[in-house]
Amino acid sequence: MNFFLISITVSCVIGISLGQILFKRAAHAIADASNWQHWVFNGWLIGALALYGVTTLVWVWILRNAPLHLAYPFMGLAFLIVPCLGWLILDEPIRWTTLAGGALILAGIALTTQAP
């Protein structure tokens, strides 16, 4: 994978990760889960779905231009990015084990994307 394709792939993963933060915000914004209007008119949920829609289209483009065995490991970055964004944006706690696991995921991505 060239630098441009890697950049687009990482951007896609960041978009998906931001979508998770928006989904969390949407969940907190739903005052009455039995009321369909609280779901349909939830701006956070609409934003999350739109972001997921765009990132899905970008992901399909990535898969058209990169082998799956190289592109897919990048999705593992979300396991590190989402908790970090949760900590930064939502003030959720983050544990050292999450960071250590994220470091292992980064090492795995680096390993799987190396040329043979």
PDB file of N, CA and C in Angstrom:
ATOM      1  N   MET A   1       0.849  -1.184   0.000  1.00  0.00           N
ATOM      2  CA  MET A   1       0.000   0.000   0.000  1.00  0.00           C
ATOM      3  C   MET A   1       0.888   1.239   0.000  1.00  0.00           C
ATOM      4  N   ASN A   2       0.533   2.188  -0.834  1.00  0.00           N
ATOM      5  CA  ASN A   2       1.302   3.423  -0.876  1.00  0.00           C
ATOM      6  C   ASN A   2       0.825   4.392   0.215  1.00  0.00           C
ATOM      7  N   PHE A   3       1.562   5.467   0.387  1.00  0.00           N
ATOM      8  CA  PHE A   3       1.282   6.424   1.450  1.00  0.00           C
ATOM      9  C   PHE A   3      -0.126   7.003   1.339  1.00  0.00           C
ATOM     10  N   PHE A   4      -0.555   7.334   0.124  1.00  0.00           N
ATOM     11  CA  PHE A   4      -1.889   7.902  -0.079  1.00  0.00           C
ATOM     12  C   PHE A   4      -2.971   6.931   0.377  1.00  0.00           C
ATOM     13  N   LEU A   5      -2.854   5.680  -0.021  1.00  0.00           N
ATOM     14  CA  LEU A   5      -3.850   4.677   0.339  1.00  0.00           C
ATOM     15  C   LEU A   5      -3.856   4.412   1.848  1.00  0.00           C
ATOM     16  N   ILE A   6      -2.679   4.390   2.438  1.00  0.00           N
ATOM     17  CA  ILE A   6      -2.600   4.233   3.895  1.00  0.00           C
ATOM     18  C   ILE A   6      -3.259   5.424   4.589  1.00  0.00           C
ATOM     19  N   SER A   7      -3.040   6.621   4.086  1.00  0.00           N
ATOM     20  CA  SER A   7      -3.633   7.828   4.671  1.00  0.00           C
ATOM     21  C   SER A   7      -5.160   7.790   4.599  1.00  0.00           C
ATOM     22  N   ILE A   8      -5.678   7.388   3.460  1.00  0.00           N
ATOM     23  CA  ILE A   8      -7.131   7.291   3.293  1.00  0.00           C
ATOM     24  C   ILE A   8      -7.692   6.211   4.227  1.00  0.00           C
ATOM     25  N   THR A   9      -6.981   5.099   4.348  1.00  0.00           N
ATOM     26  CA  THR A   9      -7.430   4.005   5.213  1.00  0.00           C
ATOM     27  C   THR A   9      -7.465   4.444   6.671  1.00  0.00           C
ATOM     28  N   VAL A  10      -6.417   5.112   7.120  1.00  0.00           N
ATOM     29  CA  VAL A  10      -6.384   5.611   8.500  1.00  0.00           C
ATOM     30  C   VAL A  10      -7.480   6.654   8.708  1.00  0.00           C
ATOM     31  N   SER A  11      -7.703   7.515   7.731  1.00  0.00           N
ATOM     32  CA  SER A  11      -8.780   8.509   7.826  1.00  0.00           C
ATOM     33  C   SER A  11     -10.139   7.829   7.947  1.00  0.00           C
ATOM     34  N   CYS A  12     -10.321   6.760   7.218  1.00  0.00           N
ATOM     35  CA  CYS A  12     -11.568   5.993   7.289  1.00  0.00           C
ATOM     36  C   CYS A  12     -11.766   5.419   8.693  1.00  0.00           C
ATOM     37  N   VAL A  13     -10.722   4.865   9.257  1.00  0.00           N
ATOM     38  CA  VAL A  13     -10.803   4.302  10.612  1.00  0.00           C
ATOM     39  C   VAL A  13     -11.084   5.407  11.629  1.00  0.00           C
ATOM     40  N   ILE A  14     -10.478   6.558  11.457  1.00  0.00           N
ATOM     41  CA  ILE A  14     -10.747   7.686  12.352  1.00  0.00           C
ATOM     42  C   ILE A  14     -12.209   8.112  12.223  1.00  0.00           C
ATOM     43  N   GLY A  15     -12.725   8.143  10.992  1.00  0.00           N
ATOM     44  CA  GLY A  15     -14.139   8.475  10.782  1.00  0.00           C
ATOM     45  C   GLY A  15     -15.065   7.493  11.469  1.00  0.00           C
ATOM     46  N   ILE A  16     -14.761   6.214  11.364  1.00  0.00           N
ATOM     47  CA  ILE A  16     -15.566   5.190  12.032  1.00  0.00           C
ATOM     48  C   ILE A  16     -15.480   5.351  13.548  1.00  0.00           C
ATOM     49  N   SER A  17     -14.301   5.686  14.036  1.00  0.00           N
ATOM     50  CA  SER A  17     -14.120   5.894  15.471  1.00  0.00           C
ATOM     51  C   SER A  17     -14.919   7.102  15.958  1.00  0.00           C
ATOM     52  N   LEU A  18     -14.889   8.178  15.189  1.00  0.00           N
ATOM     53  CA  LEU A  18     -15.694   9.352  15.540  1.00  0.00           C
ATOM     54  C   LEU A  18     -17.179   9.010  15.507  1.00  0.00           C
ATOM     55  N   GLY A  19     -17.569   8.143  14.589  1.00  0.00           N
ATOM     56  CA  GLY A  19     -18.950   7.684  14.535  1.00  0.00           C
ATOM     57  C   GLY A  19     -19.368   7.010  15.825  1.00  0.00           C
ATOM     58  N   GLN A  20     -18.463   6.248  16.433  1.00  0.00           N
ATOM     59  CA  GLN A  20     -18.766   5.607  17.714  1.00  0.00           C
ATOM     60  C   GLN A  20     -19.017   6.643  18.809  1.00  0.00           C
ATOM     61  N   ILE A  21     -18.248   7.707  18.789  1.00  0.00           N
ATOM     62  CA  ILE A  21     -18.455   8.785  19.770  1.00  0.00           C
ATOM     63  C   ILE A  21     -19.818   9.437  19.545  1.00  0.00           C
ATOM     64  N   LEU A  22     -20.168   9.640  18.275  1.00  0.00           N
ATOM     65  CA  LEU A  22     -21.480  10.215  17.966  1.00  0.00           C
ATOM     66  C   LEU A  22     -22.605   9.276  18.390  1.00  0.00           C
ATOM     67  N   PHE A  23     -22.423   7.971  18.201  1.00  0.00           N
ATOM     68  CA  PHE A  23     -23.432   7.009  18.650  1.00  0.00           C
ATOM     69  C   PHE A  23     -23.607   7.079  20.171  1.00  0.00           C
ATOM     70  N   LYS A  24     -22.518   7.227  20.888  1.00  0.00           N
ATOM     71  CA  LYS A  24     -22.581   7.337  22.349  1.00  0.00           C
ATOM     72  C   LYS A  24     -23.345   8.602  22.745  1.00  0.00           C
ATOM     73  N   ARG A  25     -23.033   9.706  22.071  1.00  0.00           N
ATOM     74  CA  ARG A  25     -23.763  10.956  22.332  1.00  0.00           C
ATOM     75  C   ARG A  25     -25.244  10.790  22.005  1.00  0.00           C
ATOM     76  N   ALA A  26     -25.531  10.099  20.912  1.00  0.00           N
ATOM     77  CA  ALA A  26     -26.928   9.860  20.532  1.00  0.00           C
ATOM     78  C   ALA A  26     -27.650   9.065  21.597  1.00  0.00           C
ATOM     79  N   ALA A  27     -26.981   8.048  22.135  1.00  0.00           N
ATOM     80  CA  ALA A  27     -27.597   7.222  23.160  1.00  0.00           C
ATOM     81  C   ALA A  27     -27.957   8.044  24.393  1.00  0.00           C
ATOM     82  N   HIS A  28     -27.090   8.972  24.760  1.00  0.00           N
ATOM     83  CA  HIS A  28     -27.361   9.814  25.926  1.00  0.00           C
ATOM     84  C   HIS A  28     -28.433  10.863  25.637  1.00  0.00           C
ATOM     85  N   ALA A  29     -28.609  11.204  24.375  1.00  0.00           N
ATOM     86  CA  ALA A  29     -29.581  12.240  24.017  1.00  0.00           C
ATOM     87  C   ALA A  29     -31.003  11.698  23.891  1.00  0.00           C
ATOM     88  N   ILE A  30     -31.155  10.396  23.872  1.00  0.00           N
ATOM     89  CA  ILE A  30     -32.491   9.802  23.751  1.00  0.00           C
ATOM     90  C   ILE A  30     -33.128   9.783  25.142  1.00  0.00           C
ATOM     91  N   ALA A  31     -34.074  10.687  25.341  1.00  0.00           N
ATOM     92  CA  ALA A  31     -34.717  10.799  26.650  1.00  0.00           C
ATOM     93  C   ALA A  31     -35.699   9.659  26.888  1.00  0.00           C
ATOM     94  N   ASP A  32     -36.423   9.279  25.849  1.00  0.00           N
ATOM     95  CA  ASP A  32     -37.430   8.224  25.972  1.00  0.00           C
ATOM     96  C   ASP A  32     -37.233   7.252  24.818  1.00  0.00           C
ATOM     97  N   ALA A  33     -36.604   6.112  25.093  1.00  0.00           N
ATOM     98  CA  ALA A  33     -36.277   5.143  24.045  1.00  0.00           C
ATOM     99  C   ALA A  33     -37.510   4.526  23.406  1.00  0.00           C
ATOM    100  N   SER A  34     -38.661   4.603  24.057  1.00  0.00           N
ATOM    101  CA  SER A  34     -39.875   4.040  23.477  1.00  0.00           C
ATOM    102  C   SER A  34     -40.558   5.006  22.512  1.00  0.00           C
ATOM    103  N   ASN A  35     -40.081   6.230  22.468  1.00  0.00           N
ATOM    104  CA  ASN A  35     -40.666   7.248  21.596  1.00  0.00           C
ATOM    105  C   ASN A  35     -39.848   7.331  20.310  1.00  0.00           C
ATOM    106  N   TRP A  36     -40.415   6.953  19.190  1.00  0.00           N
ATOM    107  CA  TRP A  36     -39.671   6.891  17.932  1.00  0.00           C
ATOM    108  C   TRP A  36     -39.155   8.254  17.489  1.00  0.00           C
ATOM    109  N   GLN A  37     -39.838   9.324  17.867  1.00  0.00           N
ATOM    110  CA  GLN A  37     -39.376  10.658  17.477  1.00  0.00           C
ATOM    111  C   GLN A  37     -38.028  10.992  18.104  1.00  0.00           C
ATOM    112  N   HIS A  38     -37.782  10.474  19.295  1.00  0.00           N
ATOM    113  CA  HIS A  38     -36.500  10.727  19.958  1.00  0.00           C
ATOM    114  C   HIS A  38     -35.361  10.046  19.212  1.00  0.00           C
ATOM    115  N   TRP A  39     -35.669   9.009  18.465  1.00  0.00           N
ATOM    116  CA  TRP A  39     -34.659   8.324  17.650  1.00  0.00           C
ATOM    117  C   TRP A  39     -34.502   9.014  16.292  1.00  0.00           C
ATOM    118  N   VAL A  40     -35.623   9.244  15.636  1.00  0.00           N
ATOM    119  CA  VAL A  40     -35.602   9.767  14.261  1.00  0.00           C
ATOM    120  C   VAL A  40     -35.067  11.193  14.197  1.00  0.00           C
ATOM    121  N   PHE A  41     -35.378  12.002  15.192  1.00  0.00           N
ATOM    122  CA  PHE A  41     -34.967  13.405  15.174  1.00  0.00           C
ATOM    123  C   PHE A  41     -33.750  13.677  16.058  1.00  0.00           C
ATOM    124  N   ASN A  42     -32.992  12.656  16.343  1.00  0.00           N
ATOM    125  CA  ASN A  42     -31.787  12.780  17.157  1.00  0.00           C
ATOM    126  C   ASN A  42     -30.627  13.193  16.248  1.00  0.00           C
ATOM    127  N   GLY A  43     -30.185  14.430  16.379  1.00  0.00           N
ATOM    128  CA  GLY A  43     -29.111  14.950  15.525  1.00  0.00           C
ATOM    129  C   GLY A  43     -27.815  14.169  15.644  1.00  0.00           C
ATOM    130  N   TRP A  44     -27.497  13.721  16.862  1.00  0.00           N
ATOM    131  CA  TRP A  44     -26.283  12.921  17.060  1.00  0.00           C
ATOM    132  C   TRP A  44     -26.368  11.611  16.273  1.00  0.00           C
ATOM    133  N   LEU A  45     -27.537  10.983  16.317  1.00  0.00           N
ATOM    134  CA  LEU A  45     -27.724   9.723  15.607  1.00  0.00           C
ATOM    135  C   LEU A  45     -27.683   9.928  14.092  1.00  0.00           C
ATOM    136  N   ILE A  46     -28.313  10.976  13.628  1.00  0.00           N
ATOM    137  CA  ILE A  46     -28.283  11.286  12.192  1.00  0.00           C
ATOM    138  C   ILE A  46     -26.847  11.531  11.741  1.00  0.00           C
ATOM    139  N   GLY A  47     -26.099  12.290  12.528  1.00  0.00           N
ATOM    140  CA  GLY A  47     -24.694  12.551  12.203  1.00  0.00           C
ATOM    141  C   GLY A  47     -23.863  11.283  12.185  1.00  0.00           C
ATOM    142  N   ALA A  48     -24.082  10.416  13.170  1.00  0.00           N
ATOM    143  CA  ALA A  48     -23.337   9.153  13.240  1.00  0.00           C
ATOM    144  C   ALA A  48     -23.649   8.276  12.035  1.00  0.00           C
ATOM    145  N   LEU A  49     -24.916   8.166  11.680  1.00  0.00           N
ATOM    146  CA  LEU A  49     -25.301   7.345  10.528  1.00  0.00           C
ATOM    147  C   LEU A  49     -24.741   7.910   9.226  1.00  0.00           C
ATOM    148  N   ALA A  50     -24.768   9.235   9.097  1.00  0.00           N
ATOM    149  CA  ALA A  50     -24.208   9.869   7.897  1.00  0.00           C
ATOM    150  C   ALA A  50     -22.707   9.613   7.808  1.00  0.00           C
ATOM    151  N   LEU A  51     -22.018   9.770   8.919  1.00  0.00           N
ATOM    152  CA  LEU A  51     -20.572   9.528   8.938  1.00  0.00           C
ATOM    153  C   LEU A  51     -20.264   8.072   8.610  1.00  0.00           C
ATOM    154  N   TYR A  52     -21.033   7.149   9.185  1.00  0.00           N
ATOM    155  CA  TYR A  52     -20.844   5.726   8.873  1.00  0.00           C
ATOM    156  C   TYR A  52     -21.122   5.449   7.404  1.00  0.00           C
ATOM    157  N   GLY A  53     -22.128   6.111   6.842  1.00  0.00           N
ATOM    158  CA  GLY A  53     -22.428   5.933   5.422  1.00  0.00           C
ATOM    159  C   GLY A  53     -21.273   6.370   4.544  1.00  0.00           C
ATOM    160  N   VAL A  54     -20.725   7.533   4.831  1.00  0.00           N
ATOM    161  CA  VAL A  54     -19.598   8.051   4.049  1.00  0.00           C
ATOM    162  C   VAL A  54     -18.375   7.157   4.214  1.00  0.00           C
ATOM    163  N   THR A  55     -18.071   6.770   5.451  1.00  0.00           N
ATOM    164  CA  THR A  55     -16.888   5.938   5.666  1.00  0.00           C
ATOM    165  C   THR A  55     -17.057   4.551   5.052  1.00  0.00           C
ATOM    166  N   THR A  56     -18.279   4.061   4.973  1.00  0.00           N
ATOM    167  CA  THR A  56     -18.514   2.782   4.301  1.00  0.00           C
ATOM    168  C   THR A  56     -18.200   2.901   2.816  1.00  0.00           C
ATOM    169  N   LEU A  57     -18.619   3.982   2.197  1.00  0.00           N
ATOM    170  CA  LEU A  57     -18.313   4.191   0.778  1.00  0.00           C
ATOM    171  C   LEU A  57     -16.808   4.319   0.558  1.00  0.00           C
ATOM    172  N   VAL A  58     -16.133   5.038   1.453  1.00  0.00           N
ATOM    173  CA  VAL A  58     -14.678   5.167   1.354  1.00  0.00           C
ATOM    174  C   VAL A  58     -14.021   3.808   1.545  1.00  0.00           C
ATOM    175  N   TRP A  59     -14.530   3.005   2.477  1.00  0.00           N
ATOM    176  CA  TRP A  59     -13.977   1.675   2.720  1.00  0.00           C
ATOM    177  C   TRP A  59     -14.101   0.794   1.474  1.00  0.00           C
ATOM    178  N   VAL A  60     -15.223   0.873   0.800  1.00  0.00           N
ATOM    179  CA  VAL A  60     -15.397   0.102  -0.438  1.00  0.00           C
ATOM    180  C   VAL A  60     -14.367   0.553  -1.475  1.00  0.00           C
ATOM    181  N   TRP A  61     -14.121   1.848  -1.555  1.00  0.00           N
ATOM    182  CA  TRP A  61     -13.102   2.344  -2.488  1.00  0.00           C
ATOM    183  C   TRP A  61     -11.723   1.808  -2.095  1.00  0.00           C
ATOM    184  N   ILE A  62     -11.440   1.804  -0.801  1.00  0.00           N
ATOM    185  CA  ILE A  62     -10.157   1.268  -0.323  1.00  0.00           C
ATOM    186  C   ILE A  62     -10.012  -0.189  -0.731  1.00  0.00           C
ATOM    187  N   LEU A  63     -11.059  -0.974  -0.522  1.00  0.00           N
ATOM    188  CA  LEU A  63     -10.997  -2.396  -0.858  1.00  0.00           C
ATOM    189  C   LEU A  63     -10.854  -2.629  -2.359  1.00  0.00           C
ATOM    190  N   ARG A  64     -11.300  -1.678  -3.135  1.00  0.00           N
ATOM    191  CA  ARG A  64     -11.123  -1.765  -4.594  1.00  0.00           C
ATOM    192  C   ARG A  64      -9.656  -1.551  -4.974  1.00  0.00           C
ATOM    193  N   ASN A  65      -8.933  -0.826  -4.122  1.00  0.00           N
ATOM    194  CA  ASN A  65      -7.559  -0.434  -4.460  1.00  0.00           C
ATOM    195  C   ASN A  65      -6.475  -1.084  -3.605  1.00  0.00           C
ATOM    196  N   ALA A  66      -6.857  -1.858  -2.617  1.00  0.00           N
ATOM    197  CA  ALA A  66      -5.863  -2.477  -1.734  1.00  0.00           C
ATOM    198  C   ALA A  66      -6.292  -3.908  -1.422  1.00  0.00           C
ATOM    199  N   PRO A  67      -5.337  -4.786  -1.250  1.00  0.00           N
ATOM    200  CA  PRO A  67      -5.678  -6.149  -0.838  1.00  0.00           C
ATOM    201  C   PRO A  67      -6.282  -6.140   0.565  1.00  0.00           C
ATOM    202  N   LEU A  68      -7.274  -6.973   0.773  1.00  0.00           N
ATOM    203  CA  LEU A  68      -7.960  -7.037   2.051  1.00  0.00           C
ATOM    204  C   LEU A  68      -7.003  -7.391   3.188  1.00  0.00           C
ATOM    205  N   HIS A  69      -6.044  -8.268   2.915  1.00  0.00           N
ATOM    206  CA  HIS A  69      -5.120  -8.679   3.983  1.00  0.00           C
ATOM    207  C   HIS A  69      -4.211  -7.538   4.436  1.00  0.00           C
ATOM    208  N   LEU A  70      -4.097  -6.485   3.632  1.00  0.00           N
ATOM    209  CA  LEU A  70      -3.316  -5.312   4.039  1.00  0.00           C
ATOM    210  C   LEU A  70      -4.210  -4.215   4.623  1.00  0.00           C
ATOM    211  N   ALA A  71      -5.396  -4.041   4.053  1.00  0.00           N
ATOM    212  CA  ALA A  71      -6.271  -2.953   4.489  1.00  0.00           C
ATOM    213  C   ALA A  71      -6.968  -3.262   5.812  1.00  0.00           C
ATOM    214  N   TYR A  72      -7.455  -4.484   5.959  1.00  0.00           N
ATOM    215  CA  TYR A  72      -8.289  -4.793   7.125  1.00  0.00           C
ATOM    216  C   TYR A  72      -7.587  -4.656   8.469  1.00  0.00           C
ATOM    217  N   PRO A  73      -6.334  -5.007   8.614  1.00  0.00           N
ATOM    218  CA  PRO A  73      -5.696  -4.820   9.934  1.00  0.00           C
ATOM    219  C   PRO A  73      -5.768  -3.392  10.463  1.00  0.00           C
ATOM    220  N   PHE A  74      -5.871  -2.424   9.575  1.00  0.00           N
ATOM    221  CA  PHE A  74      -5.981  -1.033  10.018  1.00  0.00           C
ATOM    222  C   PHE A  74      -7.250  -0.794  10.835  1.00  0.00           C
ATOM    223  N   MET A  75      -8.280  -1.603  10.612  1.00  0.00           N
ATOM    224  CA  MET A  75      -9.507  -1.466  11.399  1.00  0.00           C
ATOM    225  C   MET A  75      -9.238  -1.705  12.882  1.00  0.00           C
ATOM    226  N   GLY A  76      -8.185  -2.445  13.182  1.00  0.00           N
ATOM    227  CA  GLY A  76      -7.805  -2.666  14.574  1.00  0.00           C
ATOM    228  C   GLY A  76      -7.439  -1.380  15.294  1.00  0.00           C
ATOM    229  N   LEU A  77      -7.069  -0.356  14.549  1.00  0.00           N
ATOM    230  CA  LEU A  77      -6.757   0.937  15.167  1.00  0.00           C
ATOM    231  C   LEU A  77      -7.944   1.495  15.945  1.00  0.00           C
ATOM    232  N   ALA A  78      -9.140   1.139  15.524  1.00  0.00           N
ATOM    233  CA  ALA A  78     -10.338   1.636  16.208  1.00  0.00           C
ATOM    234  C   ALA A  78     -10.366   1.196  17.668  1.00  0.00           C
ATOM    235  N   PHE A  79      -9.765   0.039  17.977  1.00  0.00           N
ATOM    236  CA  PHE A  79      -9.739  -0.436  19.362  1.00  0.00           C
ATOM    237  C   PHE A  79      -8.880   0.459  20.248  1.00  0.00           C
ATOM    238  N   LEU A  80      -8.033   1.260  19.664  1.00  0.00           N
ATOM    239  CA  LEU A  80      -7.236   2.235  20.409  1.00  0.00           C
ATOM    240  C   LEU A  80      -7.821   3.639  20.283  1.00  0.00           C
ATOM    241  N   ILE A  81      -8.254   3.982  19.080  1.00  0.00           N
ATOM    242  CA  ILE A  81      -8.749   5.339  18.828  1.00  0.00           C
ATOM    243  C   ILE A  81     -10.035   5.623  19.592  1.00  0.00           C
ATOM    244  N   VAL A  82     -10.980   4.674  19.591  1.00  0.00           N
ATOM    245  CA  VAL A  82     -12.270   4.920  20.249  1.00  0.00           C
ATOM    246  C   VAL A  82     -12.110   5.181  21.749  1.00  0.00           C
ATOM    247  N   PRO A  83     -11.380   4.348  22.497  1.00  0.00           N
ATOM    248  CA  PRO A  83     -11.212   4.672  23.926  1.00  0.00           C
ATOM    249  C   PRO A  83     -10.490   5.998  24.160  1.00  0.00           C
ATOM    250  N   CYS A  84      -9.516   6.316  23.304  1.00  0.00           N
ATOM    251  CA  CYS A  84      -8.808   7.595  23.457  1.00  0.00           C
ATOM    252  C   CYS A  84      -9.745   8.772  23.190  1.00  0.00           C
ATOM    253  N   LEU A  85     -10.588   8.661  22.166  1.00  0.00           N
ATOM    254  CA  LEU A  85     -11.572   9.714  21.896  1.00  0.00           C
ATOM    255  C   LEU A  85     -12.607   9.786  23.018  1.00  0.00           C
ATOM    256  N   GLY A  86     -12.997   8.638  23.550  1.00  0.00           N
ATOM    257  CA  GLY A  86     -13.921   8.624  24.678  1.00  0.00           C
ATOM    258  C   GLY A  86     -13.347   9.348  25.879  1.00  0.00           C
ATOM    259  N   TRP A  87     -12.058   9.173  26.087  1.00  0.00           N
ATOM    260  CA  TRP A  87     -11.376   9.857  27.182  1.00  0.00           C
ATOM    261  C   TRP A  87     -11.295  11.369  26.910  1.00  0.00           C
ATOM    262  N   LEU A  88     -10.913  11.741  25.681  1.00  0.00           N
ATOM    263  CA  LEU A  88     -10.750  13.153  25.342  1.00  0.00           C
ATOM    264  C   LEU A  88     -12.066  13.913  25.243  1.00  0.00           C
ATOM    265  N   ILE A  89     -13.052  13.292  24.597  1.00  0.00           N
ATOM    266  CA  ILE A  89     -14.293  14.005  24.283  1.00  0.00           C
ATOM    267  C   ILE A  89     -15.375  13.765  25.332  1.00  0.00           C
ATOM    268  N   LEU A  90     -15.493  12.537  25.803  1.00  0.00           N
ATOM    269  CA  LEU A  90     -16.581  12.179  26.710  1.00  0.00           C
ATOM    270  C   LEU A  90     -16.152  12.111  28.170  1.00  0.00           C
ATOM    271  N   ASP A  91     -14.872  12.360  28.411  1.00  0.00           N
ATOM    272  CA  ASP A  91     -14.325  12.315  29.773  1.00  0.00           C
ATOM    273  C   ASP A  91     -14.504  10.941  30.420  1.00  0.00           C
ATOM    274  N   GLU A  92     -14.411   9.899  29.600  1.00  0.00           N
ATOM    275  CA  GLU A  92     -14.487   8.534  30.122  1.00  0.00           C
ATOM    276  C   GLU A  92     -13.105   8.103  30.587  1.00  0.00           C
ATOM    277  N   PRO A  93     -13.045   7.241  31.579  1.00  0.00           N
ATOM    278  CA  PRO A  93     -11.735   6.782  32.054  1.00  0.00           C
ATOM    279  C   PRO A  93     -11.057   5.888  31.018  1.00  0.00           C
ATOM    280  N   ILE A  94      -9.747   5.918  31.024  1.00  0.00           N
ATOM    281  CA  ILE A  94      -8.981   5.036  30.145  1.00  0.00           C
ATOM    282  C   ILE A  94      -7.963   4.302  31.020  1.00  0.00           C
ATOM    283  N   ARG A  95      -7.822   3.012  30.774  1.00  0.00           N
ATOM    284  CA  ARG A  95      -6.928   2.203  31.599  1.00  0.00           C
ATOM    285  C   ARG A  95      -5.622   1.964  30.859  1.00  0.00           C
ATOM    286  N   TRP A  96      -4.595   1.691  31.625  1.00  0.00           N
ATOM    287  CA  TRP A  96      -3.285   1.425  31.025  1.00  0.00           C
ATOM    288  C   TRP A  96      -3.350   0.167  30.168  1.00  0.00           C
ATOM    289  N   THR A  97      -4.225  -0.778  30.530  1.00  0.00           N
ATOM    290  CA  THR A  97      -4.326  -2.010  29.749  1.00  0.00           C
ATOM    291  C   THR A  97      -4.868  -1.737  28.351  1.00  0.00           C
ATOM    292  N   THR A  98      -5.731  -0.733  28.239  1.00  0.00           N
ATOM    293  CA  THR A  98      -6.240  -0.340  26.922  1.00  0.00           C
ATOM    294  C   THR A  98      -5.104   0.201  26.065  1.00  0.00           C
ATOM    295  N   LEU A  99      -4.263   1.028  26.665  1.00  0.00           N
ATOM    296  CA  LEU A  99      -3.133   1.593  25.936  1.00  0.00           C
ATOM    297  C   LEU A  99      -2.112   0.515  25.576  1.00  0.00           C
ATOM    298  N   ALA A 100      -1.881  -0.413  26.489  1.00  0.00           N
ATOM    299  CA  ALA A 100      -0.941  -1.508  26.216  1.00  0.00           C
ATOM    300  C   ALA A 100      -1.479  -2.396  25.097  1.00  0.00           C
ATOM    301  N   GLY A 101      -2.758  -2.703  25.147  1.00  0.00           N
ATOM    302  CA  GLY A 101      -3.367  -3.487  24.075  1.00  0.00           C
ATOM    303  C   GLY A 101      -3.310  -2.756  22.749  1.00  0.00           C
ATOM    304  N   GLY A 102      -3.521  -1.443  22.799  1.00  0.00           N
ATOM    305  CA  GLY A 102      -3.425  -0.625  21.588  1.00  0.00           C
ATOM    306  C   GLY A 102      -2.023  -0.651  21.002  1.00  0.00           C
ATOM    307  N   ALA A 103      -1.026  -0.637  21.866  1.00  0.00           N
ATOM    308  CA  ALA A 103       0.362  -0.717  21.387  1.00  0.00           C
ATOM    309  C   ALA A 103       0.610  -2.051  20.693  1.00  0.00           C
ATOM    310  N   LEU A 104       0.043  -3.114  21.237  1.00  0.00           N
ATOM    311  CA  LEU A 104       0.178  -4.426  20.591  1.00  0.00           C
ATOM    312  C   LEU A 104      -0.535  -4.456  19.238  1.00  0.00           C
ATOM    313  N   ILE A 105      -1.691  -3.814  19.178  1.00  0.00           N
ATOM    314  CA  ILE A 105      -2.413  -3.728  17.900  1.00  0.00           C
ATOM    315  C   ILE A 105      -1.583  -2.949  16.884  1.00  0.00           C
ATOM    316  N   LEU A 106      -0.994  -1.834  17.309  1.00  0.00           N
ATOM    317  CA  LEU A 106      -0.133  -1.055  16.409  1.00  0.00           C
ATOM    318  C   LEU A 106       1.033  -1.896  15.905  1.00  0.00           C
ATOM    319  N   ALA A 107       1.619  -2.670  16.783  1.00  0.00           N
ATOM    320  CA  ALA A 107       2.727  -3.548  16.379  1.00  0.00           C
ATOM    321  C   ALA A 107       2.234  -4.590  15.372  1.00  0.00           C
ATOM    322  N   GLY A 108       1.059  -5.121  15.594  1.00  0.00           N
ATOM    323  CA  GLY A 108       0.493  -6.091  14.664  1.00  0.00           C
ATOM    324  C   GLY A 108       0.209  -5.490  13.298  1.00  0.00           C
ATOM    325  N   ILE A 109      -0.293  -4.274  13.275  1.00  0.00           N
ATOM    326  CA  ILE A 109      -0.551  -3.598  12.002  1.00  0.00           C
ATOM    327  C   ILE A 109       0.765  -3.357  11.269  1.00  0.00           C
ATOM    328  N   ALA A 110       1.765  -2.893  11.996  1.00  0.00           N
ATOM    329  CA  ALA A 110       3.069  -2.656  11.382  1.00  0.00           C
ATOM    330  C   ALA A 110       3.627  -3.961  10.811  1.00  0.00           C
ATOM    331  N   LEU A 111       3.454  -5.032  11.539  1.00  0.00           N
ATOM    332  CA  LEU A 111       3.957  -6.329  11.087  1.00  0.00           C
ATOM    333  C   LEU A 111       3.221  -6.826   9.845  1.00  0.00           C
ATOM    334  N   THR A 112       1.894  -6.714   9.847  1.00  0.00           N
ATOM    335  CA  THR A 112       1.126  -7.251   8.719  1.00  0.00           C
ATOM    336  C   THR A 112       1.246  -6.420   7.448  1.00  0.00           C
ATOM    337  N   THR A 113       1.621  -5.161   7.570  1.00  0.00           N
ATOM    338  CA  THR A 113       1.727  -4.327   6.370  1.00  0.00           C
ATOM    339  C   THR A 113       3.134  -4.277   5.780  1.00  0.00           C
ATOM    340  N   GLN A 114       4.049  -5.036   6.364  1.00  0.00           N
ATOM    341  CA  GLN A 114       5.411  -5.081   5.839  1.00  0.00           C
ATOM    342  C   GLN A 114       5.446  -5.870   4.532  1.00  0.00           C
ATOM    343  N   ALA A 115       6.279  -5.435   3.631  1.00  0.00           N
ATOM    344  CA  ALA A 115       6.462  -6.144   2.363  1.00  0.00           C
ATOM    345  C   ALA A 115       7.155  -7.478   2.649  1.00  0.00           C
ATOM    346  N   PRO A 116       6.811  -8.509   1.876  1.00  0.00           N
ATOM    347  CA  PRO A 116       7.422  -9.830   2.117  1.00  0.00           C
ATOM    348  C   PRO A 116       8.906  -9.860   1.853  1.00  0.00           C
TER     349      PRO A 116
END
